[in-house]
Amino acid sequence: MPAMLAAYIKAPLTSVLLLFEITRDYNVVVPVMAGVSMSVFINMQINYFFNPKSSGPSWLPNNSCRVLNKIPIVKAMVPNVVQLPISTSLLDAGRAMTAAQSDSLHLVVRGVVAVDADGKPKGAVTVETLTRKVGQISLKLKQSFEEINQDKSGEISLKEFKQLLQRISPNDEVSMWEAKQIFDFMDVDGSGRISFQEYFTGITRLGSGNTLQNLGSLLPNNTKSRTMSPVLNTDATLYDAAMAMHDLNTDCLTIVTPEGEVVGIIIEPSVKTAIEIAFMNDDLSSMTM
């Protein structure tokens, strides 16, 4: 009886204490604890096998498939996005996001949709993810620059610049001639020395090397999943979105029409909010029936 009660109410310690209160026999405590532990373990394994939540994100409520499969994904869609080529460097993508936000003072741009050469969407990145990554790149560039600038003058010479290039791309041998070509390109004022601002602007314009990554580096890798895609059609449901986010380990998905036109993105916070509203409405419907 305690084993069945523990599995049903998910309170093993309470079940053991109830039996002890009834019997007042210390000899039954150890075998009852063993039985209760086994029943709770079996119950967890059964729930893991049959409950759809177990294969989805931890924030997905129990029995969510029934409710969420009725809610279209567009209920949680964020339409304000920027579309950029997948090869766009992260620094250029950050600039494009800032420019789009400046042009749309009354709208909040929440993400970037990366498209291939044919204009087909390959995935999306949230503003938060892009901002965090751009900050990391800027910090890395700044640290590399300061390490080479040993005299702390805020400017580096051609010799120091060559060392900097070699540190950024350790696998590529950089000749002095190549270094001077890039150095002259970045030395906008022709002073013979490069400031960090000139260096930062120049390396952004070059857009190459291991230091600068492109949008494709932030997209979810769906090679391990044959069923989930970072791009969903407008006829998908909230349950489809939650499962895709979990399977692809991402917080952002692209939404397209059946014709392939990008209409927006869906991000994890908007999915969670829509799920809470859906379950609240479901509870209210059950109460009025």
C-alpha atoms as a PDB file:
ATOM      1  CA  MET A   1       0.000   0.000   0.000  1.00  0.00           C
ATOM      2  CA  PRO A   2       2.731   2.618   0.803  1.00  0.00           C
ATOM      3  CA  ALA A   3       4.483   1.776  -2.472  1.00  0.00           C
ATOM      4  CA  MET A   4       1.304   2.395  -4.497  1.00  0.00           C
ATOM      5  CA  LEU A   5       0.558   5.593  -2.571  1.00  0.00           C
ATOM      6  CA  ALA A   6       4.097   6.923  -3.064  1.00  0.00           C
ATOM      7  CA  ALA A   7       3.949   6.327  -6.815  1.00  0.00           C
ATOM      8  CA  TYR A   8       0.522   7.952  -7.105  1.00  0.00           C
ATOM      9  CA  ILE A   9       1.028  11.113  -5.033  1.00  0.00           C
ATOM     10  CA  LYS A  10       4.822  11.325  -5.674  1.00  0.00           C
ATOM     11  CA  ALA A  11       5.557  11.684  -1.947  1.00  0.00           C
ATOM     12  CA  PRO A  12       7.668   8.688  -0.837  1.00  0.00           C
ATOM     13  CA  LEU A  13       8.635  10.056   2.580  1.00  0.00           C
ATOM     14  CA  THR A  14       5.015  10.845   3.445  1.00  0.00           C
ATOM     15  CA  SER A  15       3.996   7.292   2.549  1.00  0.00           C
ATOM     16  CA  VAL A  16       6.654   5.814   4.832  1.00  0.00           C
ATOM     17  CA  LEU A  17       5.674   8.062   7.733  1.00  0.00           C
ATOM     18  CA  LEU A  18       1.979   7.264   7.319  1.00  0.00           C
ATOM     19  CA  LEU A  19       2.610   3.521   7.570  1.00  0.00           C
ATOM     20  CA  PHE A  20       4.824   3.999  10.612  1.00  0.00           C
ATOM     21  CA  GLU A  21       2.121   6.102  12.295  1.00  0.00           C
ATOM     22  CA  ILE A  22      -0.339   3.280  11.719  1.00  0.00           C
ATOM     23  CA  THR A  23       1.865   0.332  12.771  1.00  0.00           C
ATOM     24  CA  ARG A  24       4.305   1.965  15.225  1.00  0.00           C
ATOM     25  CA  ASP A  25       6.733  -0.784  14.164  1.00  0.00           C
ATOM     26  CA  TYR A  26      10.336   0.251  13.458  1.00  0.00           C
ATOM     27  CA  ASN A  27      11.015  -3.082  11.752  1.00  0.00           C
ATOM     28  CA  VAL A  28       8.859  -2.168   8.760  1.00  0.00           C
ATOM     29  CA  VAL A  29      10.624   1.139   8.008  1.00  0.00           C
ATOM     30  CA  VAL A  30      13.575  -0.263   6.029  1.00  0.00           C
ATOM     31  CA  PRO A  31      11.598  -2.713   3.813  1.00  0.00           C
ATOM     32  CA  VAL A  32       8.891  -0.073   3.236  1.00  0.00           C
ATOM     33  CA  MET A  33      11.535   2.481   2.181  1.00  0.00           C
ATOM     34  CA  ALA A  34      12.955  -0.048  -0.277  1.00  0.00           C
ATOM     35  CA  GLY A  35       9.517  -0.780  -1.731  1.00  0.00           C
ATOM     36  CA  VAL A  36       8.608   2.893  -1.934  1.00  0.00           C
ATOM     37  CA  SER A  37      11.897   3.751  -3.658  1.00  0.00           C
ATOM     38  CA  MET A  38      11.369   1.014  -6.219  1.00  0.00           C
ATOM     39  CA  SER A  39       7.788   2.087  -6.957  1.00  0.00           C
ATOM     40  CA  VAL A  40       8.787   5.739  -7.409  1.00  0.00           C
ATOM     41  CA  PHE A  41      11.626   4.721  -9.731  1.00  0.00           C
ATOM     42  CA  ILE A  42       9.325   2.539 -11.856  1.00  0.00           C
ATOM     43  CA  ASN A  43       6.768   5.334 -11.984  1.00  0.00           C
ATOM     44  CA  MET A  44       9.410   7.783 -13.228  1.00  0.00           C
ATOM     45  CA  GLN A  45      10.516   5.359 -15.932  1.00  0.00           C
ATOM     46  CA  ILE A  46       6.937   4.830 -17.103  1.00  0.00           C
ATOM     47  CA  ASN A  47       6.357   8.599 -17.249  1.00  0.00           C
ATOM     48  CA  TYR A  48       9.611   9.060 -19.133  1.00  0.00           C
ATOM     49  CA  PHE A  49       8.495   6.511 -21.721  1.00  0.00           C
ATOM     50  CA  PHE A  50       4.914   7.694 -22.233  1.00  0.00           C
ATOM     51  CA  ASN A  51       5.006  11.417 -21.422  1.00  0.00           C
ATOM     52  CA  PRO A  52       5.792  13.597 -24.475  1.00  0.00           C
ATOM     53  CA  LYS A  53       7.344  16.212 -22.217  1.00  0.00           C
ATOM     54  CA  SER A  54      10.310  13.978 -21.436  1.00  0.00           C
ATOM     55  CA  SER A  55      11.616  14.312 -25.000  1.00  0.00           C
ATOM     56  CA  GLY A  56      11.120  18.076 -25.074  1.00  0.00           C
ATOM     57  CA  PRO A  57      12.367  21.136 -23.197  1.00  0.00           C
ATOM     58  CA  SER A  58      12.157  21.164 -19.403  1.00  0.00           C
ATOM     59  CA  TRP A  59       9.840  24.199 -19.465  1.00  0.00           C
ATOM     60  CA  LEU A  60       7.209  22.351 -21.524  1.00  0.00           C
ATOM     61  CA  PRO A  61       4.182  21.489 -19.301  1.00  0.00           C
ATOM     62  CA  ASN A  62       2.831  17.977 -18.887  1.00  0.00           C
ATOM     63  CA  ASN A  63       0.436  16.741 -21.567  1.00  0.00           C
ATOM     64  CA  SER A  64       1.315  19.791 -23.668  1.00  0.00           C
ATOM     65  CA  CYS A  65       0.903  18.023 -27.006  1.00  0.00           C
ATOM     66  CA  ARG A  66      -2.910  18.035 -26.761  1.00  0.00           C
ATOM     67  CA  VAL A  67      -3.144  21.764 -26.027  1.00  0.00           C
ATOM     68  CA  LEU A  68      -0.267  23.190 -28.045  1.00  0.00           C
ATOM     69  CA  ASN A  69      -1.007  21.300 -31.244  1.00  0.00           C
ATOM     70  CA  LYS A  70      -4.152  23.418 -31.505  1.00  0.00           C
ATOM     71  CA  ILE A  71      -2.264  26.738 -31.365  1.00  0.00           C
ATOM     72  CA  PRO A  72      -0.704  28.010 -34.628  1.00  0.00           C
ATOM     73  CA  ILE A  73       2.870  29.202 -34.464  1.00  0.00           C
ATOM     74  CA  VAL A  74       1.929  32.658 -35.749  1.00  0.00           C
ATOM     75  CA  LYS A  75       0.333  33.379 -32.350  1.00  0.00           C
ATOM     76  CA  ALA A  76       3.852  33.803 -30.953  1.00  0.00           C
ATOM     77  CA  MET A  77       5.515  35.198 -34.084  1.00  0.00           C
ATOM     78  CA  VAL A  78       7.772  38.252 -33.977  1.00  0.00           C
ATOM     79  CA  PRO A  79       7.521  40.005 -37.375  1.00  0.00           C
ATOM     80  CA  ASN A  80      10.271  42.607 -36.899  1.00  0.00           C
ATOM     81  CA  VAL A  81      13.428  41.041 -38.359  1.00  0.00           C
ATOM     82  CA  VAL A  82      16.321  41.883 -40.649  1.00  0.00           C
ATOM     83  CA  GLN A  83      17.326  39.595 -43.527  1.00  0.00           C
ATOM     84  CA  LEU A  84      21.035  39.320 -44.331  1.00  0.00           C
ATOM     85  CA  PRO A  85      23.239  36.952 -46.385  1.00  0.00           C
ATOM     86  CA  ILE A  86      24.501  34.020 -44.362  1.00  0.00           C
ATOM     87  CA  SER A  87      28.085  35.068 -45.178  1.00  0.00           C
ATOM     88  CA  THR A  88      27.665  38.474 -43.461  1.00  0.00           C
ATOM     89  CA  SER A  89      30.267  39.004 -40.735  1.00  0.00           C
ATOM     90  CA  LEU A  90      28.888  39.337 -37.229  1.00  0.00           C
ATOM     91  CA  LEU A  91      30.185  42.891 -36.909  1.00  0.00           C
ATOM     92  CA  ASP A  92      28.434  43.904 -40.139  1.00  0.00           C
ATOM     93  CA  ALA A  93      25.291  42.137 -38.947  1.00  0.00           C
ATOM     94  CA  GLY A  94      25.438  44.130 -35.725  1.00  0.00           C
ATOM     95  CA  ARG A  95      25.686  47.362 -37.701  1.00  0.00           C
ATOM     96  CA  ALA A  96      22.741  46.335 -39.891  1.00  0.00           C
ATOM     97  CA  MET A  97      20.657  45.619 -36.789  1.00  0.00           C
ATOM     98  CA  THR A  98      21.507  49.019 -35.331  1.00  0.00           C
ATOM     99  CA  ALA A  99      20.669  50.773 -38.606  1.00  0.00           C
ATOM    100  CA  ALA A 100      17.348  48.916 -38.889  1.00  0.00           C
ATOM    101  CA  GLN A 101      16.449  49.877 -35.342  1.00  0.00           C
ATOM    102  CA  SER A 102      17.275  53.518 -36.064  1.00  0.00           C
ATOM    103  CA  ASP A 103      15.040  53.470 -39.147  1.00  0.00           C
ATOM    104  CA  SER A 104      12.178  51.856 -37.197  1.00  0.00           C
ATOM    105  CA  LEU A 105      11.867  53.987 -34.073  1.00  0.00           C
ATOM    106  CA  HIS A 106       8.465  52.565 -33.200  1.00  0.00           C
ATOM    107  CA  LEU A 107       9.432  48.918 -33.761  1.00  0.00           C
ATOM    108  CA  VAL A 108      11.789  46.644 -31.874  1.00  0.00           C
ATOM    109  CA  VAL A 109      13.919  44.507 -34.173  1.00  0.00           C
ATOM    110  CA  ARG A 110      14.337  41.160 -32.406  1.00  0.00           C
ATOM    111  CA  GLY A 111      16.454  39.089 -34.776  1.00  0.00           C
ATOM    112  CA  VAL A 112      18.324  38.450 -38.014  1.00  0.00           C
ATOM    113  CA  VAL A 113      17.269  35.891 -40.622  1.00  0.00           C
ATOM    114  CA  ALA A 114      20.240  34.461 -42.536  1.00  0.00           C
ATOM    115  CA  VAL A 115      19.562  33.652 -46.201  1.00  0.00           C
ATOM    116  CA  ASP A 116      21.689  31.795 -48.736  1.00  0.00           C
ATOM    117  CA  ALA A 117      22.725  32.967 -52.207  1.00  0.00           C
ATOM    118  CA  ASP A 118      19.294  32.045 -53.577  1.00  0.00           C
ATOM    119  CA  GLY A 119      17.508  34.047 -50.885  1.00  0.00           C
ATOM    120  CA  LYS A 120      16.285  30.962 -49.027  1.00  0.00           C
ATOM    121  CA  PRO A 121      16.264  31.281 -45.214  1.00  0.00           C
ATOM    122  CA  LYS A 122      18.665  28.983 -43.400  1.00  0.00           C
ATOM    123  CA  GLY A 123      17.955  30.040 -39.828  1.00  0.00           C
ATOM    124  CA  ALA A 124      17.714  33.000 -37.480  1.00  0.00           C
ATOM    125  CA  VAL A 125      19.666  34.638 -34.655  1.00  0.00           C
ATOM    126  CA  THR A 126      18.203  36.734 -31.838  1.00  0.00           C
ATOM    127  CA  VAL A 127      19.422  40.234 -31.039  1.00  0.00           C
ATOM    128  CA  GLU A 128      20.671  39.029 -27.665  1.00  0.00           C
ATOM    129  CA  THR A 129      22.791  36.229 -29.180  1.00  0.00           C
ATOM    130  CA  LEU A 130      24.250  38.517 -31.850  1.00  0.00           C
ATOM    131  CA  THR A 131      25.026  41.291 -29.373  1.00  0.00           C
ATOM    132  CA  ARG A 132      26.743  38.877 -26.994  1.00  0.00           C
ATOM    133  CA  LYS A 133      28.880  37.395 -29.775  1.00  0.00           C
ATOM    134  CA  VAL A 134      29.837  40.793 -31.221  1.00  0.00           C
ATOM    135  CA  GLY A 135      30.890  41.873 -27.740  1.00  0.00           C
ATOM    136  CA  GLN A 136      33.106  38.803 -27.430  1.00  0.00           C
ATOM    137  CA  ILE A 137      34.745  39.503 -30.793  1.00  0.00           C
ATOM    138  CA  SER A 138      35.335  43.171 -29.948  1.00  0.00           C
ATOM    139  CA  LEU A 139      36.899  42.187 -26.638  1.00  0.00           C
ATOM    140  CA  LYS A 140      39.144  39.637 -28.354  1.00  0.00           C
ATOM    141  CA  LEU A 141      40.308  42.228 -30.895  1.00  0.00           C
ATOM    142  CA  LYS A 142      40.961  44.754 -28.130  1.00  0.00           C
ATOM    143  CA  GLN A 143      42.943  42.277 -26.040  1.00  0.00           C
ATOM    144  CA  SER A 144      45.068  41.193 -29.008  1.00  0.00           C
ATOM    145  CA  PHE A 145      45.771  44.813 -29.910  1.00  0.00           C
ATOM    146  CA  GLU A 146      46.803  45.752 -26.361  1.00  0.00           C
ATOM    147  CA  GLU A 147      49.055  42.702 -26.009  1.00  0.00           C
ATOM    148  CA  ILE A 148      51.006  43.691 -29.127  1.00  0.00           C
ATOM    149  CA  ASN A 149      51.071  47.406 -28.234  1.00  0.00           C
ATOM    150  CA  GLN A 150      53.761  46.971 -25.618  1.00  0.00           C
ATOM    151  CA  ASP A 151      54.573  50.666 -25.244  1.00  0.00           C
ATOM    152  CA  LYS A 152      50.878  51.358 -24.449  1.00  0.00           C
ATOM    153  CA  SER A 153      50.812  54.250 -26.895  1.00  0.00           C
ATOM    154  CA  GLY A 154      47.461  53.224 -28.348  1.00  0.00           C
ATOM    155  CA  GLU A 155      49.022  52.805 -31.787  1.00  0.00           C
ATOM    156  CA  ILE A 156      51.039  50.009 -33.378  1.00  0.00           C
ATOM    157  CA  SER A 157      53.804  50.005 -35.970  1.00  0.00           C
ATOM    158  CA  LEU A 158      54.079  47.809 -39.071  1.00  0.00           C
ATOM    159  CA  LYS A 159      56.298  45.327 -37.194  1.00  0.00           C
ATOM    160  CA  GLU A 160      53.811  45.062 -34.345  1.00  0.00           C
ATOM    161  CA  PHE A 161      50.965  44.786 -36.837  1.00  0.00           C
ATOM    162  CA  LYS A 162      52.616  41.778 -38.508  1.00  0.00           C
ATOM    163  CA  GLN A 163      52.902  40.109 -35.107  1.00  0.00           C
ATOM    164  CA  LEU A 164      49.234  40.843 -34.510  1.00  0.00           C
ATOM    165  CA  LEU A 165      48.188  39.250 -37.813  1.00  0.00           C
ATOM    166  CA  GLN A 166      50.285  36.198 -37.038  1.00  0.00           C
ATOM    167  CA  ARG A 167      48.637  35.861 -33.633  1.00  0.00           C
ATOM    168  CA  ILE A 168      45.130  36.160 -35.126  1.00  0.00           C
ATOM    169  CA  SER A 169      45.863  33.569 -37.837  1.00  0.00           C
ATOM    170  CA  PRO A 170      48.538  31.263 -36.349  1.00  0.00           C
ATOM    171  CA  ASN A 171      48.030  28.643 -39.057  1.00  0.00           C
ATOM    172  CA  ASP A 172      48.799  31.080 -41.908  1.00  0.00           C
ATOM    173  CA  GLU A 173      52.282  32.442 -42.583  1.00  0.00           C
ATOM    174  CA  VAL A 174      52.047  36.201 -43.131  1.00  0.00           C
ATOM    175  CA  SER A 175      54.873  37.841 -45.099  1.00  0.00           C
ATOM    176  CA  MET A 176      56.047  41.388 -44.435  1.00  0.00           C
ATOM    177  CA  TRP A 177      54.806  42.422 -47.895  1.00  0.00           C
ATOM    178  CA  GLU A 178      51.317  41.085 -47.163  1.00  0.00           C
ATOM    179  CA  ALA A 179      51.306  42.738 -43.764  1.00  0.00           C
ATOM    180  CA  LYS A 180      52.312  46.096 -45.308  1.00  0.00           C
ATOM    181  CA  GLN A 181      49.511  45.896 -47.887  1.00  0.00           C
ATOM    182  CA  ILE A 182      46.920  45.415 -45.142  1.00  0.00           C
ATOM    183  CA  PHE A 183      48.680  47.949 -42.903  1.00  0.00           C
ATOM    184  CA  ASP A 184      48.514  50.655 -45.576  1.00  0.00           C
ATOM    185  CA  PHE A 185      44.852  49.819 -46.158  1.00  0.00           C
ATOM    186  CA  MET A 186      44.042  50.345 -42.477  1.00  0.00           C
ATOM    187  CA  ASP A 187      46.310  53.372 -41.964  1.00  0.00           C
ATOM    188  CA  VAL A 188      43.664  55.854 -43.089  1.00  0.00           C
ATOM    189  CA  ASP A 189      45.467  59.002 -41.894  1.00  0.00           C
ATOM    190  CA  GLY A 190      48.806  57.864 -43.359  1.00  0.00           C
ATOM    191  CA  SER A 191      50.661  58.393 -40.069  1.00  0.00           C
ATOM    192  CA  GLY A 192      52.623  55.170 -40.345  1.00  0.00           C
ATOM    193  CA  ARG A 193      50.952  53.832 -37.205  1.00  0.00           C
ATOM    194  CA  ILE A 194      47.514  52.281 -36.653  1.00  0.00           C
ATOM    195  CA  SER A 195      45.181  53.148 -33.814  1.00  0.00           C
ATOM    196  CA  PHE A 196      42.737  50.610 -32.425  1.00  0.00           C
ATOM    197  CA  GLN A 197      39.850  52.421 -34.132  1.00  0.00           C
ATOM    198  CA  GLU A 198      41.615  52.192 -37.502  1.00  0.00           C
ATOM    199  CA  TYR A 199      42.423  48.553 -36.838  1.00  0.00           C
ATOM    200  CA  PHE A 200      38.858  47.716 -35.785  1.00  0.00           C
ATOM    201  CA  THR A 201      37.334  49.516 -38.777  1.00  0.00           C
ATOM    202  CA  GLY A 202      39.802  47.981 -41.197  1.00  0.00           C
ATOM    203  CA  ILE A 203      39.426  44.413 -40.054  1.00  0.00           C
ATOM    204  CA  THR A 204      35.653  44.792 -40.195  1.00  0.00           C
ATOM    205  CA  ARG A 205      35.877  46.019 -43.790  1.00  0.00           C
ATOM    206  CA  LEU A 206      38.159  43.123 -44.711  1.00  0.00           C
ATOM    207  CA  GLY A 207      35.704  40.679 -43.150  1.00  0.00           C
ATOM    208  CA  SER A 208      38.020  37.677 -43.247  1.00  0.00           C
ATOM    209  CA  GLY A 209      40.247  35.651 -40.987  1.00  0.00           C
ATOM    210  CA  ASN A 210      39.573  33.519 -37.947  1.00  0.00           C
ATOM    211  CA  THR A 211      38.730  36.547 -35.819  1.00  0.00           C
ATOM    212  CA  LEU A 212      35.567  37.440 -37.716  1.00  0.00           C
ATOM    213  CA  GLN A 213      32.796  34.886 -37.899  1.00  0.00           C
ATOM    214  CA  ASN A 214      29.726  35.096 -40.080  1.00  0.00           C
ATOM    215  CA  LEU A 215      26.055  34.572 -39.351  1.00  0.00           C
ATOM    216  CA  GLY A 216      26.296  30.936 -40.390  1.00  0.00           C
ATOM    217  CA  SER A 217      28.479  30.213 -37.360  1.00  0.00           C
ATOM    218  CA  LEU A 218      25.576  31.108 -35.025  1.00  0.00           C
ATOM    219  CA  LEU A 219      22.888  29.053 -36.747  1.00  0.00           C
ATOM    220  CA  PRO A 220      21.789  25.773 -35.150  1.00  0.00           C
ATOM    221  CA  ASN A 221      23.388  22.632 -36.507  1.00  0.00           C
ATOM    222  CA  ASN A 222      20.544  20.432 -37.740  1.00  0.00           C
ATOM    223  CA  THR A 223      22.720  17.713 -39.267  1.00  0.00           C
ATOM    224  CA  LYS A 224      22.013  15.494 -36.251  1.00  0.00           C
ATOM    225  CA  SER A 225      18.261  15.857 -36.661  1.00  0.00           C
ATOM    226  CA  ARG A 226      16.419  14.461 -39.661  1.00  0.00           C
ATOM    227  CA  THR A 227      13.021  15.675 -38.530  1.00  0.00           C
ATOM    228  CA  MET A 228      13.609  19.179 -37.158  1.00  0.00           C
ATOM    229  CA  SER A 229      14.501  22.294 -39.143  1.00  0.00           C
ATOM    230  CA  PRO A 230      15.357  25.851 -38.028  1.00  0.00           C
ATOM    231  CA  VAL A 231      12.777  27.038 -40.569  1.00  0.00           C
ATOM    232  CA  LEU A 232       9.066  26.324 -39.922  1.00  0.00           C
ATOM    233  CA  ASN A 233       5.998  26.982 -42.054  1.00  0.00           C
ATOM    234  CA  THR A 234       3.153  29.188 -40.864  1.00  0.00           C
ATOM    235  CA  ASP A 235       0.952  26.094 -40.496  1.00  0.00           C
ATOM    236  CA  ALA A 236       3.208  24.702 -37.744  1.00  0.00           C
ATOM    237  CA  THR A 237       2.040  24.724 -34.119  1.00  0.00           C
ATOM    238  CA  LEU A 238       3.494  25.903 -30.822  1.00  0.00           C
ATOM    239  CA  TYR A 239       4.283  22.293 -29.977  1.00  0.00           C
ATOM    240  CA  ASP A 240       6.287  21.987 -33.218  1.00  0.00           C
ATOM    241  CA  ALA A 241       8.225  25.139 -32.297  1.00  0.00           C
ATOM    242  CA  ALA A 242       8.992  23.976 -28.741  1.00  0.00           C
ATOM    243  CA  MET A 243      10.190  20.578 -29.924  1.00  0.00           C
ATOM    244  CA  ALA A 244      12.304  22.084 -32.725  1.00  0.00           C
ATOM    245  CA  MET A 245      13.978  24.505 -30.302  1.00  0.00           C
ATOM    246  CA  HIS A 246      14.791  21.656 -27.951  1.00  0.00           C
ATOM    247  CA  ASP A 247      16.015  19.299 -30.683  1.00  0.00           C
ATOM    248  CA  LEU A 248      18.191  21.943 -32.364  1.00  0.00           C
ATOM    249  CA  ASN A 249      19.313  23.546 -29.084  1.00  0.00           C
ATOM    250  CA  THR A 250      18.350  27.035 -30.231  1.00  0.00           C
ATOM    251  CA  ASP A 251      16.200  29.889 -28.943  1.00  0.00           C
ATOM    252  CA  CYS A 252      15.152  31.226 -32.351  1.00  0.00           C
ATOM    253  CA  LEU A 253      13.407  29.806 -35.433  1.00  0.00           C
ATOM    254  CA  THR A 254      12.441  31.312 -38.789  1.00  0.00           C
ATOM    255  CA  ILE A 255       8.813  31.304 -39.945  1.00  0.00           C
ATOM    256  CA  VAL A 256       8.005  31.234 -43.647  1.00  0.00           C
ATOM    257  CA  THR A 257       4.881  30.960 -45.787  1.00  0.00           C
ATOM    258  CA  PRO A 258       4.271  27.796 -47.869  1.00  0.00           C
ATOM    259  CA  GLU A 259       5.802  29.760 -50.758  1.00  0.00           C
ATOM    260  CA  GLY A 260       9.022  30.285 -48.758  1.00  0.00           C
ATOM    261  CA  GLU A 261       8.581  33.983 -47.934  1.00  0.00           C
ATOM    262  CA  VAL A 262       9.968  35.033 -44.543  1.00  0.00           C
ATOM    263  CA  VAL A 263       7.240  36.503 -42.344  1.00  0.00           C
ATOM    264  CA  GLY A 264       9.055  36.620 -39.015  1.00  0.00           C
ATOM    265  CA  ILE A 265      10.774  34.613 -36.297  1.00  0.00           C
ATOM    266  CA  ILE A 266       9.727  32.885 -33.126  1.00  0.00           C
ATOM    267  CA  ILE A 267      11.878  33.200 -30.008  1.00  0.00           C
ATOM    268  CA  GLU A 268      11.844  31.204 -26.796  1.00  0.00           C
ATOM    269  CA  PRO A 269      10.362  33.934 -24.530  1.00  0.00           C
ATOM    270  CA  SER A 270       7.418  34.454 -26.897  1.00  0.00           C
ATOM    271  CA  VAL A 271       6.822  30.687 -27.059  1.00  0.00           C
ATOM    272  CA  LYS A 272       6.772  30.419 -23.259  1.00  0.00           C
ATOM    273  CA  THR A 273       4.335  33.323 -22.962  1.00  0.00           C
ATOM    274  CA  ALA A 274       2.044  31.852 -25.623  1.00  0.00           C
ATOM    275  CA  ILE A 275       2.128  28.467 -23.862  1.00  0.00           C
ATOM    276  CA  GLU A 276       1.134  30.024 -20.529  1.00  0.00           C
ATOM    277  CA  ILE A 277      -1.803  31.792 -22.199  1.00  0.00           C
ATOM    278  CA  ALA A 278      -2.842  28.613 -24.025  1.00  0.00           C
ATOM    279  CA  PHE A 279      -2.951  26.562 -20.817  1.00  0.00           C
ATOM    280  CA  MET A 280      -4.770  29.313 -18.939  1.00  0.00           C
ATOM    281  CA  ASN A 281      -7.425  29.396 -21.662  1.00  0.00           C
ATOM    282  CA  ASP A 282      -7.632  25.609 -21.600  1.00  0.00           C
ATOM    283  CA  ASP A 283      -8.182  25.625 -17.817  1.00  0.00           C
ATOM    284  CA  LEU A 284     -10.892  28.267 -18.125  1.00  0.00           C
ATOM    285  CA  SER A 285     -12.618  26.262 -20.834  1.00  0.00           C
ATOM    286  CA  SER A 286     -12.574  23.153 -18.632  1.00  0.00           C
ATOM    287  CA  MET A 287     -14.087  25.091 -15.725  1.00  0.00           C
ATOM    288  CA  THR A 288     -16.994  26.439 -17.816  1.00  0.00           C
ATOM    289  CA  MET A 289     -17.938  23.065 -19.313  1.00  0.00           C
END
